[in-house]
Amino acid sequence: MRNKDRVNPFAQAVTWGMVIFFLILIMLFISGCATIQSTPPVETTFPAITVEEEMFTLSSSAFSDNGRIADRYTYSMGKQCSGENYSPPLNWAGAPEGTASFLLTMLDPDGGNWVHWLLVNIPPDATSLEEAVNGPETGIAGRNSFGGNGYGGPCPPSGMHHYVFTLYALDTTLDVKPGVNLKDVTAQISGHILGQCQLTGLRSAK
């Protein structure tokens, strides 16, 4: 073979090296252009969502939940109890939308669900009841288990008793008269309760 037909290995290596170098430059240039022309990032900031939990609550300034009910709010019946029979002040908040009236009950489950207070058709714009002897003059007073209308305070014969105040938000007003009993009221409120809240007070026998 003649010398002029020989391929110089060094020249061949240099040639391929230059080709690879230019290919790398071209790829980098294309990549840079792609980066510059890339689509702007999608906006990922969303409006803040505020979750409001409206809780229907019942409280009293006279005692805390599961707290002791003072003598002032107990019934007067001989040696068993000698209170002034003031109804405790009550406050509530978070009533459901559409409330047409409130119903209040005070029962003693330790005394066979003895009815101490039944107050019907409390106005829907009311948010409290002031303390008053035999209960405030608002709404319609139902019959208690002592045999009278209105509030009859705690008067446990023995041991510790729980007095459960329950406030019902109703979507209607009830067709009742003073002295209505709990059984008749219970029948009327079926299907009309929008919400309810409770507060429990304690009282033991002397």
Protein backbone atom coordinates (compact mmCIF):
# COMPACT_ATOMS: atom_id res chain seq x y z
CA MET A 1 0.00 0.00 0.00
CA ARG A 2 1.24 3.45 -0.83
CA ASN A 3 1.84 6.05 1.95
CA LYS A 4 -0.61 8.57 0.48
CA ASP A 5 -3.47 6.08 0.85
CA ARG A 6 -2.81 5.68 4.56
CA VAL A 7 -5.19 7.41 7.06
CA ASN A 8 -3.40 9.41 9.74
CA PRO A 9 -4.84 8.18 13.10
CA PHE A 10 -4.00 11.44 14.86
CA ALA A 11 -5.79 13.56 12.24
CA GLN A 12 -8.79 11.22 12.40
CA ALA A 13 -9.00 11.57 16.22
CA VAL A 14 -8.78 15.35 16.01
CA THR A 15 -11.55 15.42 13.37
CA TRP A 16 -13.94 13.29 15.48
CA GLY A 17 -13.12 15.32 18.55
CA MET A 18 -14.10 18.53 16.81
CA VAL A 19 -17.34 16.96 15.55
CA ILE A 20 -18.30 15.85 19.07
CA PHE A 21 -17.35 19.27 20.49
CA PHE A 22 -19.60 21.09 17.98
CA LEU A 23 -22.46 18.64 18.64
CA ILE A 24 -22.22 19.39 22.37
CA LEU A 25 -22.27 23.14 21.69
CA ILE A 26 -25.35 22.76 19.48
CA MET A 27 -27.16 20.70 22.15
CA LEU A 28 -26.35 23.24 24.85
CA PHE A 29 -27.61 26.06 22.66
CA ILE A 30 -30.87 24.25 21.92
CA SER A 31 -31.31 23.44 25.61
CA GLY A 32 -30.76 27.06 26.57
CA CYS A 33 -33.32 28.26 24.06
CA ALA A 34 -35.82 25.73 25.31
CA THR A 35 -35.34 26.97 28.84
CA ILE A 36 -35.82 30.57 27.85
CA GLN A 37 -38.93 29.79 25.80
CA SER A 38 -40.46 27.41 28.36
CA THR A 39 -44.05 27.97 29.49
CA PRO A 40 -44.36 30.24 32.54
CA PRO A 41 -45.14 28.32 35.75
CA VAL A 42 -48.82 27.78 36.55
CA GLU A 43 -50.17 29.90 39.39
CA THR A 44 -50.66 27.60 42.40
CA THR A 45 -51.92 30.11 44.95
CA PHE A 46 -55.59 29.51 45.82
CA PRO A 47 -57.94 31.76 47.79
CA ALA A 48 -57.92 30.92 51.49
CA ILE A 49 -60.89 28.81 52.56
CA THR A 50 -62.36 29.83 55.87
CA VAL A 51 -64.17 27.07 57.74
CA GLU A 52 -66.59 28.43 60.32
CA GLU A 53 -67.97 26.05 62.90
CA GLU A 54 -71.07 27.54 64.41
CA MET A 55 -71.68 25.85 67.76
CA PHE A 56 -74.97 26.16 69.59
CA THR A 57 -73.96 26.62 73.23
CA LEU A 58 -75.70 27.17 76.56
CA SER A 59 -74.05 28.64 79.65
CA SER A 60 -74.77 30.32 82.97
CA SER A 61 -72.97 32.93 85.01
CA ALA A 62 -74.26 31.21 88.15
CA PHE A 63 -72.48 27.88 87.66
CA SER A 64 -70.23 26.10 85.17
CA ASP A 65 -71.10 22.92 83.32
CA ASN A 66 -71.22 20.14 85.92
CA GLY A 67 -70.79 22.79 88.61
CA ARG A 68 -72.73 23.16 91.85
CA ILE A 69 -76.03 25.04 91.83
CA ALA A 70 -76.18 27.53 94.71
CA ASP A 71 -78.87 27.67 97.42
CA ARG A 72 -80.43 30.75 95.81
CA TYR A 73 -81.65 28.64 92.90
CA THR A 74 -83.11 25.74 94.91
CA TYR A 75 -86.75 25.07 95.68
CA SER A 76 -88.40 25.72 99.05
CA MET A 77 -90.04 22.66 100.55
CA GLY A 78 -89.80 22.21 104.31
CA LYS A 79 -86.57 20.78 105.68
CA GLN A 80 -85.62 19.12 102.40
CA CYS A 81 -84.76 22.40 100.66
CA SER A 82 -85.15 26.04 101.63
CA GLY A 83 -84.00 28.10 98.67
CA GLU A 84 -85.45 31.25 97.11
CA ASN A 85 -86.46 29.46 93.89
CA TYR A 86 -84.72 31.91 91.59
CA SER A 87 -84.21 30.49 88.13
CA PRO A 88 -80.52 30.68 87.16
CA PRO A 89 -79.46 33.18 84.48
CA LEU A 90 -78.86 31.50 81.14
CA ASN A 91 -77.09 32.62 77.97
CA TRP A 92 -76.82 30.99 74.57
CA ALA A 93 -75.13 31.60 71.25
CA GLY A 94 -74.85 30.05 67.79
CA ALA A 95 -78.54 29.33 67.27
CA PRO A 96 -79.24 27.64 63.91
CA GLU A 97 -80.48 29.72 61.01
CA GLY A 98 -84.23 29.59 60.62
CA THR A 99 -85.00 29.35 64.33
CA ALA A 100 -88.61 30.41 64.98
CA SER A 101 -88.68 29.79 68.73
CA PHE A 102 -86.76 28.20 71.59
CA LEU A 103 -87.91 25.57 74.05
CA LEU A 104 -86.21 25.11 77.42
CA THR A 105 -86.43 22.09 79.70
CA MET A 106 -84.76 21.35 83.01
CA LEU A 107 -84.92 17.69 84.02
CA ASP A 108 -83.48 15.60 86.83
CA PRO A 109 -82.57 12.17 85.39
CA ASP A 110 -81.58 10.97 88.86
CA GLY A 111 -85.12 11.68 89.98
CA GLY A 112 -86.88 9.82 87.18
CA ASN A 113 -86.71 12.79 84.79
CA TRP A 114 -88.49 15.06 87.23
CA VAL A 115 -89.54 18.20 85.38
CA HIS A 116 -88.14 21.30 87.09
CA TRP A 117 -88.72 23.76 84.28
CA LEU A 118 -90.57 23.84 80.99
CA LEU A 119 -90.56 27.08 79.04
CA VAL A 120 -92.13 27.16 75.56
CA ASN A 121 -92.12 29.69 72.69
CA ILE A 122 -89.14 31.73 73.83
CA PRO A 123 -88.72 34.47 71.14
CA PRO A 124 -86.22 33.62 68.36
CA ASP A 125 -84.24 36.83 68.90
CA ALA A 126 -83.62 36.03 72.58
CA THR A 127 -80.09 35.09 73.62
CA SER A 128 -80.53 34.97 77.39
CA LEU A 129 -82.87 34.55 80.32
CA GLU A 130 -82.47 36.65 83.45
CA GLU A 131 -82.79 35.06 86.87
CA ALA A 132 -86.22 35.50 88.44
CA VAL A 133 -88.34 33.92 91.15
CA ASN A 134 -90.34 31.09 89.52
CA GLY A 135 -88.67 31.97 86.20
CA PRO A 136 -88.75 35.04 83.94
CA GLU A 137 -91.93 36.25 82.29
CA THR A 138 -91.09 35.29 78.75
CA GLY A 139 -92.51 32.59 76.54
CA ILE A 140 -95.15 30.23 77.93
CA ALA A 141 -94.52 28.47 81.24
CA GLY A 142 -95.33 24.78 81.30
CA ARG A 143 -96.22 22.54 84.24
CA ASN A 144 -93.39 21.27 86.46
CA SER A 145 -93.46 18.08 88.52
CA PHE A 146 -94.10 20.02 91.74
CA GLY A 147 -97.53 20.81 90.30
CA GLY A 148 -97.01 24.48 89.43
CA ASN A 149 -96.18 26.45 86.31
CA GLY A 150 -92.71 27.84 85.69
CA TYR A 151 -89.45 27.14 87.46
CA GLY A 152 -89.09 24.75 90.39
CA GLY A 153 -85.51 24.57 91.60
CA PRO A 154 -83.46 21.58 92.74
CA CYS A 155 -84.61 19.79 95.88
CA PRO A 156 -82.92 16.37 95.97
CA PRO A 157 -84.18 13.99 98.67
CA SER A 158 -80.81 12.23 98.93
CA GLY A 159 -77.44 11.93 97.24
CA MET A 160 -76.08 13.92 94.31
CA HIS A 161 -78.46 14.84 91.51
CA HIS A 162 -77.79 16.13 88.00
CA TYR A 163 -80.00 18.91 86.63
CA VAL A 164 -79.91 19.00 82.85
CA PHE A 165 -80.93 22.23 81.11
CA THR A 166 -81.66 21.63 77.42
CA LEU A 167 -82.39 24.43 74.97
CA TYR A 168 -84.02 23.44 71.68
CA ALA A 169 -84.04 25.63 68.57
CA LEU A 170 -87.29 24.98 66.70
CA ASP A 171 -88.38 25.93 63.20
CA THR A 172 -91.88 26.67 64.47
CA THR A 173 -93.84 28.03 67.42
CA LEU A 174 -95.99 25.65 69.41
CA ASP A 175 -99.76 25.90 69.83
CA VAL A 176 -99.86 25.55 73.62
CA LYS A 177 -101.31 27.25 76.69
CA PRO A 178 -99.76 27.93 80.10
CA GLY A 179 -99.51 24.75 82.13
CA VAL A 180 -98.81 22.49 79.13
CA ASN A 181 -97.01 19.31 80.15
CA LEU A 182 -93.78 17.86 78.79
CA LYS A 183 -95.51 14.91 77.10
CA ASP A 184 -97.68 17.18 74.94
CA VAL A 185 -94.73 19.43 74.09
CA THR A 186 -92.58 16.45 73.13
CA ALA A 187 -95.25 15.29 70.67
CA GLN A 188 -95.39 18.72 69.02
CA ILE A 189 -91.67 19.27 68.52
CA SER A 190 -91.11 16.02 66.62
CA GLY A 191 -89.55 16.93 63.25
CA HIS A 192 -89.08 20.59 64.19
CA ILE A 193 -85.78 20.55 66.08
CA LEU A 194 -83.01 22.47 64.27
CA GLY A 195 -80.47 22.09 67.06
CA GLN A 196 -80.07 21.70 70.79
CA CYS A 197 -77.53 22.42 73.51
CA GLN A 198 -77.19 21.43 77.15
CA LEU A 199 -75.86 22.59 80.47
CA THR A 200 -75.73 20.42 83.60
CA GLY A 201 -75.74 21.62 87.19
CA LEU A 202 -75.22 19.53 90.34
CA ARG A 203 -76.91 19.62 93.72
CA SER A 204 -76.79 17.25 96.66
CA ALA A 205 -79.16 16.79 99.56
CA LYS A 206 -78.37 18.61 102.78
